[in-house]
Each structure stands twice: as structure tokens, then as C-alpha cells.
Amino acid sequence: QLQLVESGGGLVQPGGSLRLSCVASGRGIDYYAIGWFRQAPGKEREGISCINADSSNTYYSDSVKGRFTISRDNAKNTVYLQMNNLKPEDTDVYFCAAVRVLRPATLVSCSPPVFSSWGHGTQVTVSS
């Protein structure tokens, strides 16, 4: 069973930066695609960035493209989300999630139903 724990959230001013971390335990992530999702109260969970198991492919939603960067270090069992030029509309709870794949290069849809293991989330608040 793969467990995921997010960290790095907090309060930041507009234009600022944060780096979220997602640390996995229980097994290695070499055969897991990982995604970052966010959700505001009363809204659907949104897939904002995903990375396949061997880092050969990444996805970004239009809302974060050019500002956020996803990366992973399989040796550390950790996936990161570097968030720059943050905006008030980025305020949400951010979750990481994982799904096992047969081959490390497998592409998956960055959609919540695809992912089977979830962290508990970390709050990001962008406000002056």
C-alpha cells in the first residue's frame, strides 16, 4: 500500500512562490504516475499537473501552465510542485495522488478517477 504525504503549503503573497512536496512511503514510486490536484470548498477536484513514472512526460492545466513545474526524484520517493507567480485564485487545498502503471513511460490522464492513492492535502493560501 502506497501512502502519500504532502507538505510545503502555507500563506504567500500574490506573485510569491511555494514548493510543495509529496513524499511516498510503503513502496517505491518507480512504477507510479503522480499527479497534483487542487480543490476548493464546494468545487470539483481539478488535475493541475501530472508526471509519468520515468519523468519523460508532464502535463499542466491551462490555469497553471508557465507558472508551475512538476518534478520527481524516485530515489527519494518524492514528487515536487514548484509554484511561481502565485495568484489569489490559486488558493486551494492541494493533493498529490498516484496510480501504478505497467511501464514507466506510460501516460495517464491527469484526472482524479484515474488515481488510486491519495494524500490528505496541504492548504495553499495566496493573499496580501
Foldseek 3Di string as FASTA:
>chain_A
DKAKAKDWADEAAQQAKIKMKIAIDDDFQLQKKKWKWWDDPPDDIGTAKIAFNVRPDMDGDPVQPPFWDWDDDRVRRMIMIIGGRDDQVVWTWMKMFIDGHPDRVDDDDSDVVRTDYIYPTDTHGYHD
